[in-house]
């Protein structure tokens, strides 16, 4: 059977949906796009005002430890979650890079609570199995529940009924 190349519109759609092209991030807002930064340039004056009101916007974190209230989750240090916050269409959005896939989670912040919107949570369509699949399932479940937080200049701790994750800022 002769192999035919994929039409370009199929390839572009797949790249945009998986985030591999950076197209979705470029369409989300102004400013340069890098693999570790939000789609906005956090140094721009129009974003400085919102950063002063929102303790998470333009912040990046890497997991260092955690528990699920039964045992330590050592994988949070060896296969860390990388979490960043940005504004997408005016909504604070948490982006979580896992060992297998990425989550975009619309969020709201109060004085001690980080509330995610599970109905609008978006996942990349990676096929995850084994340990990385287990990590992904646990992370999605954890982030769908309301989170209390403790935030310092260099660290973030998220806690809910499923467990606790400790993060550090790079």
Protein backbone atom coordinates (compact mmCIF):
# COMPACT_ATOMS: atom_id res chain seq x y z
CA UNK A 1 0.00 0.00 0.00
CA UNK A 2 1.35 3.39 -0.97
CA UNK A 3 1.81 5.85 1.91
CA UNK A 4 0.37 9.29 1.33
CA UNK A 5 1.57 12.31 3.29
CA UNK A 6 -0.85 13.91 5.72
CA UNK A 7 -2.58 17.02 4.38
CA UNK A 8 -1.01 20.11 5.90
CA UNK A 9 -4.24 21.21 7.62
CA UNK A 10 -4.28 17.90 9.59
CA UNK A 11 -0.66 18.33 10.67
CA UNK A 12 -1.21 21.96 11.68
CA UNK A 13 -4.32 21.00 13.69
CA UNK A 14 -2.47 18.23 15.54
CA UNK A 15 0.45 20.53 16.34
CA UNK A 16 -1.86 23.29 17.59
CA UNK A 17 -3.88 20.90 19.78
CA UNK A 18 -0.83 19.26 21.34
CA UNK A 19 0.97 22.54 21.93
CA UNK A 20 3.95 21.40 19.87
CA UNK A 21 3.69 24.31 17.47
CA UNK A 22 3.34 27.08 20.07
CA UNK A 23 0.44 28.33 17.89
CA UNK A 24 -2.14 28.15 20.67
CA UNK A 25 0.08 30.15 23.03
CA UNK A 26 0.80 32.80 20.37
CA UNK A 27 -2.91 33.24 19.75
CA UNK A 28 -3.66 33.54 23.48
CA UNK A 29 -2.02 36.91 23.92
CA UNK A 30 0.74 39.32 23.05
CA UNK A 31 4.40 38.87 23.81
CA UNK A 32 7.09 36.32 23.15
CA UNK A 33 6.50 32.63 23.69
CA UNK A 34 9.14 30.40 25.24
CA UNK A 35 8.96 26.86 26.51
CA UNK A 36 9.16 27.89 30.17
CA UNK A 37 7.37 31.25 30.23
CA UNK A 38 3.73 32.22 30.05
CA UNK A 39 2.31 33.47 26.75
CA UNK A 40 2.70 37.03 28.05
CA UNK A 41 5.78 39.06 28.73
CA UNK A 42 5.44 39.57 32.47
CA UNK A 43 7.66 42.65 32.37
CA UNK A 44 5.13 44.58 30.24
CA UNK A 45 3.53 47.48 32.11
CA UNK A 46 -0.06 46.34 31.46
CA UNK A 47 0.65 43.04 33.24
CA UNK A 48 2.57 44.52 36.18
CA UNK A 49 -0.66 45.89 37.63
CA UNK A 50 -2.36 42.48 37.68
CA UNK A 51 0.79 40.81 39.06
CA UNK A 52 0.63 43.18 42.01
CA UNK A 53 -2.94 42.00 42.73
CA UNK A 54 -2.43 38.29 42.00
CA UNK A 55 0.27 36.42 43.94
CA UNK A 56 0.55 33.63 41.33
CA UNK A 57 0.61 35.39 37.98
CA UNK A 58 3.92 35.09 36.12
CA UNK A 59 5.32 32.64 38.70
CA UNK A 60 6.98 29.29 37.94
CA UNK A 61 7.37 26.36 40.34
CA UNK A 62 8.92 22.88 40.34
CA UNK A 63 7.72 20.12 42.67
CA UNK A 64 10.18 18.85 45.26
CA UNK A 65 8.14 16.57 47.54
CA UNK A 66 4.65 15.50 48.45
CA UNK A 67 2.35 12.95 50.05
CA UNK A 68 -1.01 11.41 49.27
CA UNK A 69 -1.72 10.94 53.01
CA UNK A 70 -0.79 7.27 52.74
CA UNK A 71 2.84 7.57 51.73
CA UNK A 72 5.48 9.88 50.28
CA UNK A 73 5.26 10.61 46.58
CA UNK A 74 8.98 10.44 45.81
CA UNK A 75 8.30 10.86 42.10
CA UNK A 76 7.48 14.54 42.75
CA UNK A 77 11.24 15.07 43.18
CA UNK A 78 12.54 12.57 40.60
CA UNK A 79 9.89 13.30 37.91
CA UNK A 80 8.81 16.78 38.99
CA UNK A 81 5.71 18.68 38.03
CA UNK A 82 6.51 22.07 36.51
CA UNK A 83 3.81 24.62 37.21
CA UNK A 84 3.47 28.14 35.83
CA UNK A 85 0.73 30.76 35.98
CA UNK A 86 -0.35 33.25 33.34
CA UNK A 87 -3.42 35.09 32.12
CA UNK A 88 -5.24 33.59 29.15
CA UNK A 89 -8.19 35.60 27.88
CA UNK A 90 -8.28 37.42 31.22
CA UNK A 91 -8.40 34.23 33.31
CA UNK A 92 -5.59 33.12 35.61
CA UNK A 93 -4.45 29.82 34.11
CA UNK A 94 -2.25 27.22 35.76
CA UNK A 95 -0.10 25.25 33.29
CA UNK A 96 1.25 21.98 34.66
CA UNK A 97 3.88 20.04 32.76
CA UNK A 98 3.90 16.41 33.89
CA UNK A 99 6.28 13.61 32.89
CA UNK A 100 3.59 12.68 30.35
CA UNK A 101 1.54 15.59 29.07
CA UNK A 102 0.48 19.09 29.98
CA UNK A 103 -2.59 20.49 31.73
CA UNK A 104 -4.06 23.98 31.40
CA UNK A 105 -6.30 24.72 34.37
CA UNK A 106 -8.32 27.93 34.73
CA UNK A 107 -8.00 29.04 38.36
CA UNK A 108 -9.16 31.63 40.88
CA UNK A 109 -7.27 32.80 43.97
CA UNK A 110 -8.47 34.03 47.34
CA UNK A 111 -6.41 34.77 50.43
CA UNK A 112 -5.73 31.07 51.18
CA UNK A 113 -7.48 29.07 48.44
CA UNK A 114 -6.57 28.24 44.87
CA UNK A 115 -9.74 27.02 43.17
CA UNK A 116 -9.47 25.29 39.82
CA UNK A 117 -12.20 24.93 37.21
CA UNK A 118 -12.34 21.17 36.44
CA UNK A 119 -14.97 21.69 33.74
CA UNK A 120 -12.54 23.82 31.71
CA UNK A 121 -9.38 21.79 32.44
CA UNK A 122 -7.61 21.03 29.15
CA UNK A 123 -5.19 18.11 28.70
CA UNK A 124 -2.81 17.29 25.88
CA UNK A 125 -3.71 14.09 24.08
CA UNK A 126 -0.64 12.04 24.97
CA UNK A 127 -0.87 8.27 25.33
CA UNK A 128 0.43 7.72 28.86
CA UNK A 129 0.84 4.27 30.36
CA UNK A 130 2.58 2.66 33.31
CA UNK A 131 4.11 4.94 35.91
CA UNK A 132 3.73 8.14 33.86
CA UNK A 133 0.03 7.34 33.33
CA UNK A 134 -0.40 6.84 37.09
CA UNK A 135 1.35 10.18 37.75
CA UNK A 136 -0.91 11.92 35.26
CA UNK A 137 -4.12 10.43 36.75
CA UNK A 138 -3.08 11.37 40.30
CA UNK A 139 -2.13 14.91 39.27
CA UNK A 140 -5.42 15.51 37.42
CA UNK A 141 -7.41 14.20 40.41
CA UNK A 142 -5.38 16.34 42.81
CA UNK A 143 -5.90 19.54 40.80
CA UNK A 144 -9.65 19.00 40.39
CA UNK A 145 -10.20 19.40 44.14
CA UNK A 146 -10.10 22.80 45.90
CA UNK A 147 -6.61 23.61 47.12
CA UNK A 148 -5.40 25.56 50.10
CA UNK A 149 -2.01 27.13 49.63
CA UNK A 150 0.92 28.54 51.47
CA UNK A 151 3.06 30.87 49.36
CA UNK A 152 6.39 32.40 50.33
CA UNK A 153 8.93 34.25 48.23
CA UNK A 154 10.57 30.99 47.08
CA UNK A 155 8.09 28.18 47.84
CA UNK A 156 4.52 27.04 47.35
CA UNK A 157 2.65 24.27 49.19
CA UNK A 158 -0.68 23.02 47.81
CA UNK A 159 -2.92 20.90 50.07
CA UNK A 160 -6.32 19.24 49.72
CA UNK A 161 -8.14 16.05 50.77
CA UNK A 162 -5.96 13.94 48.46
CA UNK A 163 -2.58 15.10 49.69
CA UNK A 164 0.06 17.81 49.60
CA UNK A 165 2.66 18.96 47.07
CA UNK A 166 5.65 21.17 47.87
CA UNK A 167 7.11 23.36 45.12
CA UNK A 168 10.08 25.69 44.86
CA UNK A 169 10.64 28.63 42.56
CA UNK A 170 13.65 28.26 40.27
